[in-house]
């Protein structure tokens, strides 16, 4: 079952993780546009194809971890409690990162380095190609770049134990990252300033921390009240 609150939260995580998205994917997205046709329509199409490929990988990963979460939950009820507790903790860490109060979340990125080293050569080969299908494929590869925001969102998705929900939630996360990357790629300075403004980041961070604490409390308070 698709939960609107989860989709909205995922969208906000992507949207307000703008500064991290620009660091991780902004350079490659800009290069994709610059290496394409000089007309603005050509650049827009290339950047859009790249980002659709990236979001496709997020969606696939969301469905995969949702399926894994479902399997774990079926093994033992305790695993469900642990998964949801981990999801709450990761939401809090995301909030701290987005607000720029702590950057512990970046350490999570090290977990995916071994996989990225194996697929990175494919990204290098695709960079030299300019067709839209190549840009889409490049985005799909780049979607597996180690990223703390993605990993933490995936851990939260796994706690839902629903493949469809996992896929749609990660698609919403990917859509949330689009404004920042389009702003960076197409030089939309005013949008970049808004997304990176300290007040905006802190407000988003507090919302995520609050949601994370609510998630943790919803798991353990019923148990403690028994």
N, C-alpha and C. Protein backbone atom coordinates (compact mmCIF):
# COMPACT_ATOMS: atom_id res chain seq x y z
N UNK A 1 0.84 -1.20 0.00
CA UNK A 1 0.00 0.00 0.00
C UNK A 1 0.88 1.25 0.00
N UNK A 2 0.58 2.18 -0.90
CA UNK A 2 1.36 3.41 -1.01
C UNK A 2 0.86 4.42 0.01
N UNK A 3 1.78 4.89 0.87
CA UNK A 3 1.43 5.85 1.91
C UNK A 3 1.85 7.25 1.49
N UNK A 4 0.90 8.19 1.37
CA UNK A 4 1.23 9.54 0.93
C UNK A 4 2.28 10.22 1.80
N UNK A 5 2.22 10.01 3.14
CA UNK A 5 3.18 10.65 4.03
C UNK A 5 4.60 10.20 3.73
N UNK A 6 4.77 8.92 3.44
CA UNK A 6 6.10 8.41 3.11
C UNK A 6 6.61 9.00 1.81
N UNK A 7 5.73 9.15 0.83
CA UNK A 7 6.13 9.73 -0.45
C UNK A 7 6.52 11.19 -0.29
N UNK A 8 5.75 11.92 0.51
CA UNK A 8 6.05 13.33 0.75
C UNK A 8 7.37 13.48 1.48
N UNK A 9 7.59 12.61 2.48
CA UNK A 9 8.85 12.65 3.23
C UNK A 9 10.03 12.37 2.31
N UNK A 10 9.91 11.36 1.47
CA UNK A 10 10.98 11.02 0.53
C UNK A 10 11.25 12.17 -0.43
N UNK A 11 10.18 12.81 -0.90
CA UNK A 11 10.32 13.96 -1.80
C UNK A 11 11.09 15.08 -1.12
N UNK A 12 10.76 15.33 0.16
CA UNK A 12 11.43 16.40 0.91
C UNK A 12 12.89 16.07 1.17
N UNK A 13 13.17 14.79 1.43
CA UNK A 13 14.56 14.39 1.65
C UNK A 13 15.39 14.70 0.41
N UNK A 14 14.86 14.33 -0.74
CA UNK A 14 15.57 14.63 -1.98
C UNK A 14 15.69 16.12 -2.24
N UNK A 15 14.61 16.85 -1.99
CA UNK A 15 14.59 18.28 -2.26
C UNK A 15 15.57 19.05 -1.39
N UNK A 16 15.55 18.75 -0.09
CA UNK A 16 16.36 19.54 0.84
C UNK A 16 17.74 18.94 1.08
N UNK A 17 18.00 17.82 0.42
CA UNK A 17 19.38 17.32 0.41
C UNK A 17 20.12 17.92 -0.76
N UNK A 18 19.69 19.10 -1.20
CA UNK A 18 20.18 19.74 -2.42
C UNK A 18 21.69 19.90 -2.45
N UNK A 19 22.27 20.39 -1.37
CA UNK A 19 23.70 20.66 -1.40
C UNK A 19 24.49 19.37 -1.59
N UNK A 20 24.04 18.29 -0.97
CA UNK A 20 24.73 17.01 -1.13
C UNK A 20 24.54 16.50 -2.55
N UNK A 21 23.34 16.65 -3.10
CA UNK A 21 23.08 16.20 -4.47
C UNK A 21 23.96 16.93 -5.47
N UNK A 22 24.15 18.22 -5.25
CA UNK A 22 24.96 19.01 -6.17
C UNK A 22 26.43 18.58 -6.11
N UNK A 23 26.89 18.22 -4.91
CA UNK A 23 28.27 17.76 -4.78
C UNK A 23 28.45 16.41 -5.45
N UNK A 24 27.50 15.50 -5.22
CA UNK A 24 27.63 14.13 -5.72
C UNK A 24 27.33 14.01 -7.22
N UNK A 25 26.31 14.72 -7.69
CA UNK A 25 25.84 14.53 -9.07
C UNK A 25 25.81 15.81 -9.90
N UNK A 26 26.03 16.96 -9.27
CA UNK A 26 25.93 18.22 -10.00
C UNK A 26 26.94 18.34 -11.11
N UNK A 27 28.18 17.93 -10.83
CA UNK A 27 29.23 18.05 -11.84
C UNK A 27 28.97 17.19 -13.06
N UNK A 28 28.57 15.94 -12.83
CA UNK A 28 28.31 15.04 -13.94
C UNK A 28 27.09 15.50 -14.73
N UNK A 29 26.05 16.01 -14.03
CA UNK A 29 24.85 16.48 -14.72
C UNK A 29 25.17 17.68 -15.61
N UNK A 30 26.01 18.59 -15.09
CA UNK A 30 26.41 19.75 -15.89
C UNK A 30 27.23 19.33 -17.10
N UNK A 31 28.11 18.34 -16.90
CA UNK A 31 28.93 17.86 -18.01
C UNK A 31 28.08 17.21 -19.09
N UNK A 32 27.04 16.51 -18.66
CA UNK A 32 26.12 15.88 -19.62
C UNK A 32 25.49 16.93 -20.51
N UNK A 33 25.06 18.05 -19.90
CA UNK A 33 24.44 19.12 -20.67
C UNK A 33 25.43 19.83 -21.57
N UNK A 34 26.64 20.06 -21.06
CA UNK A 34 27.65 20.80 -21.83
C UNK A 34 28.18 19.99 -23.01
N UNK A 35 28.17 18.68 -22.89
CA UNK A 35 28.68 17.83 -23.97
C UNK A 35 27.63 17.52 -25.02
N UNK A 36 26.41 18.04 -24.81
CA UNK A 36 25.34 17.78 -25.77
C UNK A 36 25.20 18.96 -26.71
N UNK A 37 24.12 18.97 -27.47
CA UNK A 37 23.89 20.04 -28.44
C UNK A 37 23.91 21.39 -27.75
N UNK A 38 24.41 22.40 -28.46
CA UNK A 38 24.53 23.73 -27.87
C UNK A 38 23.18 24.37 -27.63
N UNK A 39 22.17 23.98 -28.37
CA UNK A 39 20.84 24.54 -28.15
C UNK A 39 20.34 24.16 -26.76
N UNK A 40 19.60 25.08 -26.14
CA UNK A 40 19.10 24.84 -24.78
C UNK A 40 18.20 23.61 -24.72
N UNK A 41 17.44 23.36 -25.79
CA UNK A 41 16.57 22.19 -25.80
C UNK A 41 17.38 20.89 -25.79
N UNK A 42 18.53 20.90 -26.49
CA UNK A 42 19.38 19.72 -26.49
C UNK A 42 19.99 19.46 -25.13
N UNK A 43 20.41 20.51 -24.44
CA UNK A 43 20.97 20.35 -23.10
C UNK A 43 19.90 19.85 -22.14
N UNK A 44 18.71 20.43 -22.24
CA UNK A 44 17.62 20.03 -21.33
C UNK A 44 17.29 18.56 -21.52
N UNK A 45 17.19 18.11 -22.77
CA UNK A 45 16.85 16.71 -23.05
C UNK A 45 17.92 15.78 -22.51
N UNK A 46 19.19 16.16 -22.68
CA UNK A 46 20.28 15.31 -22.21
C UNK A 46 20.27 15.21 -20.69
N UNK A 47 20.07 16.34 -20.02
CA UNK A 47 20.04 16.35 -18.55
C UNK A 47 18.83 15.57 -18.04
N UNK A 48 17.70 15.72 -18.72
CA UNK A 48 16.49 15.00 -18.32
C UNK A 48 16.70 13.49 -18.47
N UNK A 49 17.28 13.06 -19.59
CA UNK A 49 17.53 11.63 -19.82
C UNK A 49 18.46 11.07 -18.74
N UNK A 50 19.50 11.83 -18.42
CA UNK A 50 20.43 11.41 -17.37
C UNK A 50 19.71 11.23 -16.04
N UNK A 51 18.90 12.20 -15.68
CA UNK A 51 18.21 12.14 -14.39
C UNK A 51 17.13 11.07 -14.34
N UNK A 52 16.46 10.82 -15.46
CA UNK A 52 15.48 9.74 -15.50
C UNK A 52 16.18 8.39 -15.32
N UNK A 53 17.36 8.24 -15.88
CA UNK A 53 18.13 7.02 -15.67
C UNK A 53 18.52 6.86 -14.22
N UNK A 54 18.95 7.95 -13.60
CA UNK A 54 19.34 7.94 -12.19
C UNK A 54 18.16 7.55 -11.30
N UNK A 55 17.00 8.14 -11.57
CA UNK A 55 15.80 7.85 -10.77
C UNK A 55 15.34 6.41 -11.00
N UNK A 56 15.55 5.89 -12.20
CA UNK A 56 15.20 4.49 -12.48
C UNK A 56 16.00 3.55 -11.59
N UNK A 57 17.28 3.85 -11.40
CA UNK A 57 18.10 3.02 -10.52
C UNK A 57 17.62 3.12 -9.07
N UNK A 58 17.27 4.33 -8.64
CA UNK A 58 16.74 4.48 -7.27
C UNK A 58 15.46 3.66 -7.10
N UNK A 59 14.60 3.71 -8.12
CA UNK A 59 13.33 2.98 -8.05
C UNK A 59 13.56 1.48 -7.96
N UNK A 60 14.47 0.98 -8.78
CA UNK A 60 14.80 -0.45 -8.75
C UNK A 60 15.37 -0.84 -7.38
N UNK A 61 16.29 -0.03 -6.86
CA UNK A 61 16.88 -0.32 -5.55
C UNK A 61 15.82 -0.31 -4.46
N UNK A 62 14.87 0.62 -4.56
CA UNK A 62 13.79 0.70 -3.57
C UNK A 62 12.94 -0.56 -3.57
N UNK A 63 12.61 -1.04 -4.76
CA UNK A 63 11.83 -2.28 -4.85
C UNK A 63 12.60 -3.46 -4.30
N UNK A 64 13.90 -3.48 -4.55
CA UNK A 64 14.75 -4.59 -4.11
C UNK A 64 14.86 -4.63 -2.59
N UNK A 65 15.14 -3.48 -1.96
CA UNK A 65 15.27 -3.49 -0.49
C UNK A 65 13.91 -3.65 0.18
N UNK A 66 12.84 -3.19 -0.49
CA UNK A 66 11.50 -3.43 0.04
C UNK A 66 11.20 -4.91 0.09
N UNK A 67 11.62 -5.63 -0.95
CA UNK A 67 11.44 -7.07 -0.99
C UNK A 67 12.28 -7.76 0.08
N UNK A 68 13.51 -7.27 0.26
CA UNK A 68 14.38 -7.83 1.30
C UNK A 68 13.79 -7.57 2.69
N UNK A 69 13.24 -6.36 2.89
CA UNK A 69 12.62 -6.03 4.16
C UNK A 69 11.42 -6.91 4.44
N UNK A 70 10.64 -7.19 3.41
CA UNK A 70 9.48 -8.06 3.56
C UNK A 70 9.92 -9.46 3.97
N UNK A 71 10.96 -9.96 3.35
CA UNK A 71 11.47 -11.30 3.70
C UNK A 71 11.96 -11.34 5.14
N UNK A 72 12.70 -10.30 5.56
CA UNK A 72 13.22 -10.27 6.93
C UNK A 72 12.09 -10.22 7.95
N UNK A 73 11.06 -9.43 7.64
CA UNK A 73 9.93 -9.32 8.56
C UNK A 73 9.21 -10.65 8.72
N UNK A 74 9.19 -11.44 7.66
CA UNK A 74 8.51 -12.73 7.72
C UNK A 74 9.29 -13.77 8.53
N UNK A 75 10.57 -13.48 8.73
CA UNK A 75 11.39 -14.42 9.49
C UNK A 75 11.12 -14.32 10.99
N UNK A 76 11.01 -13.08 11.50
CA UNK A 76 10.79 -12.91 12.93
C UNK A 76 10.29 -11.49 13.20
N UNK A 77 9.36 -11.36 14.15
CA UNK A 77 8.80 -10.04 14.47
C UNK A 77 9.86 -9.08 15.00
N UNK A 78 10.87 -9.61 15.69
CA UNK A 78 11.92 -8.77 16.25
C UNK A 78 12.67 -8.02 15.17
N UNK A 79 12.85 -8.67 14.01
CA UNK A 79 13.55 -8.02 12.91
C UNK A 79 12.80 -6.80 12.42
N UNK A 80 11.46 -6.87 12.46
CA UNK A 80 10.65 -5.72 12.07
C UNK A 80 10.91 -4.53 13.01
N UNK A 81 10.98 -4.82 14.30
CA UNK A 81 11.25 -3.75 15.28
C UNK A 81 12.62 -3.14 15.05
N UNK A 82 13.59 -4.00 14.77
CA UNK A 82 14.95 -3.50 14.54
C UNK A 82 15.03 -2.67 13.27
N UNK A 83 14.35 -3.13 12.22
CA UNK A 83 14.36 -2.39 10.95
C UNK A 83 13.73 -1.01 11.12
N UNK A 84 12.61 -0.95 11.80
CA UNK A 84 11.93 0.34 11.98
C UNK A 84 12.71 1.26 12.91
N UNK A 85 13.38 0.68 13.89
CA UNK A 85 14.22 1.49 14.77
C UNK A 85 15.39 2.08 13.99
N UNK A 86 16.00 1.23 13.13
CA UNK A 86 17.10 1.71 12.28
C UNK A 86 16.61 2.80 11.35
N UNK A 87 15.41 2.62 10.80
CA UNK A 87 14.85 3.64 9.91
C UNK A 87 14.69 4.97 10.63
N UNK A 88 14.21 4.93 11.88
CA UNK A 88 14.06 6.16 12.66
C UNK A 88 15.39 6.83 12.93
N UNK A 89 16.39 6.03 13.27
CA UNK A 89 17.73 6.58 13.53
C UNK A 89 18.29 7.23 12.27
N UNK A 90 18.11 6.57 11.13
CA UNK A 90 18.64 7.10 9.88
C UNK A 90 17.93 8.40 9.48
N UNK A 91 16.64 8.50 9.78
CA UNK A 91 15.92 9.75 9.53
C UNK A 91 16.48 10.89 10.37
N UNK A 92 16.79 10.58 11.63
CA UNK A 92 17.40 11.59 12.51
C UNK A 92 18.75 12.02 11.96
N UNK A 93 19.56 11.06 11.53
CA UNK A 93 20.88 11.37 10.96
C UNK A 93 20.74 12.20 9.69
N UNK A 94 19.73 11.89 8.88
CA UNK A 94 19.48 12.69 7.68
C UNK A 94 19.12 14.12 8.04
N UNK A 95 18.26 14.26 9.07
CA UNK A 95 17.88 15.60 9.50
C UNK A 95 19.07 16.40 9.98
N UNK A 96 19.95 15.76 10.75
CA UNK A 96 21.16 16.43 11.24
C UNK A 96 22.06 16.83 10.08
N UNK A 97 22.13 15.96 9.07
CA UNK A 97 22.98 16.25 7.91
C UNK A 97 22.40 17.39 7.07
N UNK A 98 21.11 17.30 6.78
CA UNK A 98 20.47 18.33 5.95
C UNK A 98 20.57 19.70 6.61
N UNK A 99 20.40 19.74 7.95
CA UNK A 99 20.48 21.01 8.67
C UNK A 99 21.92 21.47 8.88
N UNK A 100 22.87 20.61 8.54
CA UNK A 100 24.30 20.89 8.71
C UNK A 100 24.68 21.01 10.20
N UNK A 101 24.05 20.21 11.03
CA UNK A 101 24.41 20.16 12.45
C UNK A 101 25.37 19.03 12.75
N UNK A 102 25.40 18.01 11.91
CA UNK A 102 26.34 16.89 12.04
C UNK A 102 26.41 16.17 10.70
N UNK A 103 27.59 15.66 10.37
CA UNK A 103 27.77 15.00 9.07
C UNK A 103 28.12 13.52 9.21
N UNK A 104 27.63 12.90 10.28
CA UNK A 104 27.91 11.46 10.48
C UNK A 104 27.38 10.62 9.34
N UNK A 105 26.35 11.10 8.67
CA UNK A 105 25.71 10.32 7.61
C UNK A 105 26.69 10.00 6.48
N UNK A 106 27.66 10.88 6.25
CA UNK A 106 28.59 10.66 5.14
C UNK A 106 29.42 9.40 5.33
N UNK A 107 29.57 8.96 6.57
CA UNK A 107 30.36 7.74 6.82
C UNK A 107 29.65 6.50 6.26
N UNK A 108 28.34 6.60 6.12
CA UNK A 108 27.57 5.47 5.58
C UNK A 108 27.95 5.21 4.12
N UNK A 109 28.41 6.25 3.43
CA UNK A 109 28.73 6.13 2.01
C UNK A 109 29.85 5.13 1.74
N UNK A 110 30.70 4.91 2.73
CA UNK A 110 31.83 4.00 2.54
C UNK A 110 31.36 2.57 2.28
N UNK A 111 30.12 2.26 2.71
CA UNK A 111 29.60 0.89 2.57
C UNK A 111 29.47 0.48 1.11
N UNK A 112 29.24 1.45 0.22
CA UNK A 112 29.00 1.10 -1.18
C UNK A 112 30.19 1.26 -2.10
N UNK A 113 31.36 1.61 -1.54
CA UNK A 113 32.52 1.86 -2.38
C UNK A 113 32.95 0.62 -3.18
N UNK A 114 32.85 -0.55 -2.57
CA UNK A 114 33.31 -1.76 -3.25
C UNK A 114 32.50 -2.02 -4.51
N UNK A 115 31.18 -1.77 -4.45
CA UNK A 115 30.33 -2.00 -5.62
C UNK A 115 30.58 -0.92 -6.68
N UNK A 116 30.74 0.33 -6.24
CA UNK A 116 30.94 1.42 -7.17
C UNK A 116 32.23 1.25 -7.98
N UNK A 117 33.26 0.74 -7.36
CA UNK A 117 34.53 0.55 -8.06
C UNK A 117 34.39 -0.44 -9.21
N UNK A 118 33.42 -1.34 -9.11
CA UNK A 118 33.23 -2.35 -10.14
C UNK A 118 32.40 -1.84 -11.34
N UNK A 119 31.53 -0.86 -11.08
CA UNK A 119 30.70 -0.36 -12.19
C UNK A 119 31.15 1.00 -12.70
N UNK A 120 32.08 1.65 -11.99
CA UNK A 120 32.54 2.98 -12.41
C UNK A 120 33.12 3.00 -13.82
N UNK A 121 33.88 1.97 -14.24
CA UNK A 121 34.40 2.00 -15.63
C UNK A 121 33.30 2.13 -16.68
N UNK A 122 32.13 1.58 -16.40
CA UNK A 122 31.02 1.70 -17.36
C UNK A 122 30.59 3.15 -17.52
N UNK A 123 30.63 3.90 -16.41
CA UNK A 123 30.29 5.33 -16.48
C UNK A 123 31.28 6.08 -17.35
N UNK A 124 32.56 5.73 -17.23
CA UNK A 124 33.59 6.39 -18.03
C UNK A 124 33.39 6.15 -19.52
N UNK A 125 33.00 4.94 -19.89
CA UNK A 125 32.77 4.62 -21.31
C UNK A 125 31.57 5.38 -21.86
N UNK A 126 30.54 5.54 -21.03
CA UNK A 126 29.31 6.21 -21.49
C UNK A 126 29.47 7.73 -21.58
N UNK A 127 30.43 8.28 -20.86
CA UNK A 127 30.61 9.73 -20.86
C UNK A 127 30.93 10.27 -22.25
N UNK A 128 31.60 9.48 -23.04
CA UNK A 128 31.99 9.95 -24.37
C UNK A 128 30.89 9.87 -25.41
N UNK A 129 29.75 9.31 -25.06
CA UNK A 129 28.65 9.16 -25.99
C UNK A 129 27.59 10.24 -25.74
N UNK A 130 26.95 10.71 -26.81
CA UNK A 130 26.05 11.85 -26.69
C UNK A 130 24.59 11.53 -26.98
N UNK A 131 24.26 10.30 -27.34
CA UNK A 131 22.86 9.99 -27.62
C UNK A 131 22.06 10.02 -26.32
N UNK A 132 20.73 10.22 -26.44
CA UNK A 132 19.88 10.27 -25.26
C UNK A 132 19.85 8.93 -24.54
N UNK A 133 19.91 7.83 -25.30
CA UNK A 133 19.92 6.51 -24.67
C UNK A 133 21.20 6.31 -23.85
N UNK A 134 22.31 6.87 -24.34
CA UNK A 134 23.58 6.79 -23.60
C UNK A 134 23.51 7.64 -22.34
N UNK A 135 22.85 8.79 -22.43
CA UNK A 135 22.70 9.66 -21.25
C UNK A 135 21.82 8.97 -20.21
N UNK A 136 20.78 8.29 -20.69
CA UNK A 136 19.91 7.55 -19.77
C UNK A 136 20.69 6.42 -19.08
N UNK A 137 21.47 5.68 -19.87
CA UNK A 137 22.27 4.59 -19.32
C UNK A 137 23.31 5.12 -18.33
N UNK A 138 23.91 6.26 -18.65
CA UNK A 138 24.87 6.88 -17.74
C UNK A 138 24.20 7.22 -16.41
N UNK A 139 22.98 7.75 -16.50
CA UNK A 139 22.24 8.07 -15.28
C UNK A 139 21.95 6.84 -14.45
N UNK A 140 21.63 5.73 -15.13
CA UNK A 140 21.36 4.48 -14.41
C UNK A 140 22.60 4.00 -13.67
N UNK A 141 23.75 4.12 -14.31
CA UNK A 141 24.99 3.74 -13.64
C UNK A 141 25.29 4.68 -12.48
N UNK A 142 25.12 5.98 -12.73
CA UNK A 142 25.44 6.99 -11.71
C UNK A 142 24.49 6.89 -10.51
N UNK A 143 23.33 6.30 -10.72
CA UNK A 143 22.40 6.13 -9.61
C UNK A 143 22.91 5.22 -8.51
N UNK A 144 23.98 4.45 -8.80
CA UNK A 144 24.57 3.56 -7.81
C UNK A 144 25.78 4.18 -7.13
N UNK A 145 26.04 5.45 -7.38
CA UNK A 145 27.13 6.15 -6.70
C UNK A 145 26.88 6.14 -5.20
N UNK A 146 27.86 5.76 -4.38
CA UNK A 146 27.66 5.74 -2.92
C UNK A 146 27.20 7.10 -2.40
N UNK A 147 26.08 7.09 -1.69
CA UNK A 147 25.47 8.34 -1.21
C UNK A 147 24.77 8.06 0.11
N UNK A 148 25.15 8.80 1.15
CA UNK A 148 24.56 8.62 2.47
C UNK A 148 23.06 8.87 2.49
N UNK A 149 22.60 9.88 1.74
CA UNK A 149 21.17 10.17 1.70
C UNK A 149 20.39 9.01 1.09
N UNK A 150 20.93 8.43 0.03
CA UNK A 150 20.25 7.31 -0.62
C UNK A 150 20.22 6.10 0.30
N UNK A 151 21.36 5.80 0.91
CA UNK A 151 21.43 4.62 1.76
C UNK A 151 20.50 4.73 2.97
N UNK A 152 20.45 5.92 3.54
CA UNK A 152 19.58 6.09 4.71
C UNK A 152 18.11 6.01 4.31
N UNK A 153 17.78 6.55 3.13
CA UNK A 153 16.40 6.44 2.65
C UNK A 153 16.05 4.99 2.35
N UNK A 154 17.00 4.24 1.81
CA UNK A 154 16.77 2.83 1.53
C UNK A 154 16.55 2.02 2.81
N UNK A 155 17.26 2.38 3.88
CA UNK A 155 17.06 1.66 5.14
C UNK A 155 15.67 1.90 5.69
N UNK A 156 15.18 3.11 5.48
CA UNK A 156 13.82 3.45 5.90
C UNK A 156 12.80 2.72 5.03
N UNK A 157 13.10 2.62 3.73
CA UNK A 157 12.23 1.89 2.80
C UNK A 157 12.15 0.41 3.18
N UNK A 158 13.30 -0.16 3.55
CA UNK A 158 13.34 -1.58 3.92
C UNK A 158 12.42 -1.87 5.09
N UNK A 159 12.31 -0.92 6.02
CA UNK A 159 11.47 -1.11 7.21
C UNK A 159 10.00 -1.23 6.85
N UNK A 160 9.60 -0.69 5.69
CA UNK A 160 8.20 -0.80 5.27
C UNK A 160 7.86 -2.22 4.82
N UNK A 161 8.88 -2.94 4.34
CA UNK A 161 8.66 -4.31 3.90
C UNK A 161 7.64 -4.45 2.78
N UNK A 162 7.66 -3.50 1.85
CA UNK A 162 6.70 -3.48 0.76
C UNK A 162 7.44 -3.10 -0.52
N UNK A 163 7.65 -4.02 -1.46
CA UNK A 163 8.40 -3.71 -2.69
C UNK A 163 7.81 -2.56 -3.49
N UNK A 164 6.48 -2.52 -3.65
CA UNK A 164 5.85 -1.45 -4.42
C UNK A 164 6.04 -0.11 -3.72
N UNK A 165 5.86 -0.12 -2.40
CA UNK A 165 6.06 1.10 -1.63
C UNK A 165 7.52 1.54 -1.70
N UNK A 166 8.42 0.56 -1.65
CA UNK A 166 9.84 0.88 -1.73
C UNK A 166 10.20 1.54 -3.05
N UNK A 167 9.68 0.98 -4.14
CA UNK A 167 9.98 1.53 -5.46
C UNK A 167 9.41 2.94 -5.62
N UNK A 168 8.16 3.15 -5.21
CA UNK A 168 7.54 4.47 -5.37
C UNK A 168 8.17 5.50 -4.44
N UNK A 169 8.57 5.06 -3.25
CA UNK A 169 9.22 5.98 -2.31
C UNK A 169 10.55 6.47 -2.86
N UNK A 170 11.34 5.56 -3.41
CA UNK A 170 12.63 5.96 -3.96
C UNK A 170 12.46 6.78 -5.24
N UNK A 171 11.38 6.52 -5.99
CA UNK A 171 11.10 7.37 -7.16
C UNK A 171 10.77 8.78 -6.69
N UNK A 172 10.01 8.89 -5.59
CA UNK A 172 9.69 10.21 -5.05
C UNK A 172 10.95 10.92 -4.56
N UNK A 173 11.85 10.16 -3.93
CA UNK A 173 13.12 10.73 -3.50
C UNK A 173 13.89 11.28 -4.71
N UNK A 174 13.95 10.48 -5.77
CA UNK A 174 14.65 10.92 -6.97
C UNK A 174 14.04 12.17 -7.58
N UNK A 175 12.72 12.24 -7.61
CA UNK A 175 12.04 13.43 -8.13
C UNK A 175 12.37 14.66 -7.27
N UNK A 176 12.52 14.42 -5.96
CA UNK A 176 12.86 15.53 -5.07
C UNK A 176 14.23 16.11 -5.36
N UNK A 177 15.13 15.29 -5.90
CA UNK A 177 16.48 15.79 -6.20
C UNK A 177 16.54 16.57 -7.51
N UNK A 178 15.52 16.46 -8.34
CA UNK A 178 15.55 17.10 -9.67
C UNK A 178 15.73 18.62 -9.63
N UNK A 179 14.98 19.35 -8.78
CA UNK A 179 15.13 20.81 -8.81
C UNK A 179 16.56 21.27 -8.57
N UNK A 180 17.25 20.65 -7.61
CA UNK A 180 18.62 21.06 -7.32
C UNK A 180 19.54 20.79 -8.49
N UNK A 181 19.41 19.61 -9.10
CA UNK A 181 20.31 19.26 -10.19
C UNK A 181 20.01 20.05 -11.46
N UNK A 182 18.74 20.32 -11.72
CA UNK A 182 18.41 21.15 -12.87
C UNK A 182 18.87 22.59 -12.63
N UNK A 183 18.73 23.04 -11.38
CA UNK A 183 19.18 24.40 -11.05
C UNK A 183 20.68 24.52 -11.24
N UNK A 184 21.42 23.50 -10.80
CA UNK A 184 22.87 23.53 -10.96
C UNK A 184 23.29 23.38 -12.41
N UNK A 185 22.61 22.52 -13.15
CA UNK A 185 22.98 22.25 -14.54
C UNK A 185 22.61 23.40 -15.46
N UNK A 186 21.48 24.05 -15.18
CA UNK A 186 20.97 25.09 -16.07
C UNK A 186 21.16 26.49 -15.50
N UNK A 187 21.98 26.58 -14.45
CA UNK A 187 22.33 27.86 -13.87
C UNK A 187 21.13 28.62 -13.33
N UNK A 188 20.22 27.93 -12.66
CA UNK A 188 19.08 28.59 -12.00
C UNK A 188 19.52 29.02 -10.61
N UNK A 189 20.19 30.13 -10.53
CA UNK A 189 20.85 30.56 -9.30
C UNK A 189 19.87 30.82 -8.16
N UNK A 190 18.72 31.41 -8.46
CA UNK A 190 17.78 31.77 -7.40
C UNK A 190 17.25 30.52 -6.68
N UNK A 191 16.95 29.45 -7.44
CA UNK A 191 16.47 28.22 -6.83
C UNK A 191 17.57 27.58 -5.99
N UNK A 192 18.79 27.60 -6.50
CA UNK A 192 19.91 27.04 -5.74
C UNK A 192 20.10 27.78 -4.43
N UNK A 193 19.97 29.11 -4.45
CA UNK A 193 20.14 29.89 -3.22
C UNK A 193 19.06 29.54 -2.21
N UNK A 194 17.82 29.35 -2.69
CA UNK A 194 16.73 29.02 -1.78
C UNK A 194 16.95 27.66 -1.13
N UNK A 195 17.30 26.65 -1.94
CA UNK A 195 17.47 25.30 -1.43
C UNK A 195 18.66 25.19 -0.49
N UNK A 196 19.67 26.04 -0.71
CA UNK A 196 20.87 25.98 0.11
C UNK A 196 20.89 27.01 1.23
N UNK A 197 19.81 27.78 1.37
CA UNK A 197 19.75 28.77 2.44
C UNK A 197 19.73 28.06 3.79
N UNK A 198 20.43 28.62 4.77
CA UNK A 198 20.55 27.97 6.07
C UNK A 198 19.20 27.76 6.75
N UNK A 199 18.30 28.75 6.62
CA UNK A 199 16.98 28.61 7.25
C UNK A 199 16.20 27.47 6.62
N UNK A 200 16.28 27.36 5.28
CA UNK A 200 15.59 26.28 4.58
C UNK A 200 16.12 24.92 5.02
N UNK A 201 17.44 24.80 5.09
CA UNK A 201 18.04 23.52 5.47
C UNK A 201 17.72 23.15 6.91
N UNK A 202 17.72 24.14 7.80
CA UNK A 202 17.44 23.84 9.20
C UNK A 202 15.98 23.46 9.42
N UNK A 203 15.08 24.13 8.71
CA UNK A 203 13.65 23.78 8.82
C UNK A 203 13.42 22.36 8.32
N UNK A 204 14.03 22.01 7.19
CA UNK A 204 13.89 20.66 6.65
C UNK A 204 14.51 19.64 7.60
N UNK A 205 15.66 19.99 8.16
CA UNK A 205 16.33 19.09 9.10
C UNK A 205 15.49 18.81 10.33
N UNK A 206 14.85 19.83 10.86
CA UNK A 206 14.01 19.63 12.04
C UNK A 206 12.80 18.75 11.73
N UNK A 207 12.24 18.91 10.54
CA UNK A 207 11.11 18.06 10.14
C UNK A 207 11.54 16.59 10.06
N UNK A 208 12.71 16.34 9.49
CA UNK A 208 13.18 14.97 9.36
C UNK A 208 13.52 14.38 10.73
N UNK A 209 14.13 15.17 11.59
CA UNK A 209 14.46 14.69 12.93
C UNK A 209 13.18 14.36 13.69
N UNK A 210 12.18 15.22 13.56
CA UNK A 210 10.90 14.98 14.23
C UNK A 210 10.24 13.71 13.73
N UNK A 211 10.29 13.49 12.42
CA UNK A 211 9.69 12.28 11.85
C UNK A 211 10.46 11.04 12.30
N UNK A 212 11.79 11.17 12.38
CA UNK A 212 12.60 10.06 12.83
C UNK A 212 12.32 9.68 14.27
N UNK A 213 12.20 10.69 15.14
CA UNK A 213 11.89 10.44 16.56
C UNK A 213 10.49 9.84 16.71
N UNK A 214 9.55 10.33 15.89
CA UNK A 214 8.20 9.76 15.93
C UNK A 214 8.23 8.30 15.50
N UNK A 215 9.03 7.98 14.48
CA UNK A 215 9.15 6.60 14.00
C UNK A 215 9.68 5.69 15.10
N UNK A 216 10.72 6.15 15.80
CA UNK A 216 11.30 5.35 16.88
C UNK A 216 10.31 5.17 18.02
N UNK A 217 9.64 6.24 18.40
CA UNK A 217 8.69 6.16 19.51
C UNK A 217 7.50 5.27 19.18
N UNK A 218 7.08 5.29 17.91
CA UNK A 218 5.94 4.45 17.52
C UNK A 218 6.27 2.97 17.58
N UNK A 219 7.58 2.65 17.54
CA UNK A 219 8.01 1.26 17.63
C UNK A 219 8.08 0.81 19.09
N UNK A 220 8.69 1.64 19.95
CA UNK A 220 9.03 1.19 21.29
C UNK A 220 8.03 1.58 22.38
N UNK A 221 7.30 2.66 22.22
CA UNK A 221 6.37 3.07 23.27
C UNK A 221 5.27 2.03 23.52
N UNK A 222 4.68 1.42 22.46
CA UNK A 222 3.68 0.37 22.73
C UNK A 222 4.27 -0.81 23.51
N UNK A 223 5.53 -1.12 23.28
CA UNK A 223 6.17 -2.24 23.99
C UNK A 223 6.40 -1.88 25.45
N UNK A 224 6.88 -0.65 25.69
CA UNK A 224 7.16 -0.20 27.05
C UNK A 224 5.90 -0.04 27.88
N UNK A 225 4.77 0.21 27.19
CA UNK A 225 3.51 0.40 27.92
C UNK A 225 2.84 -0.91 28.33
N UNK A 226 3.39 -2.03 27.83
CA UNK A 226 2.76 -3.31 28.15
C UNK A 226 2.95 -3.67 29.63
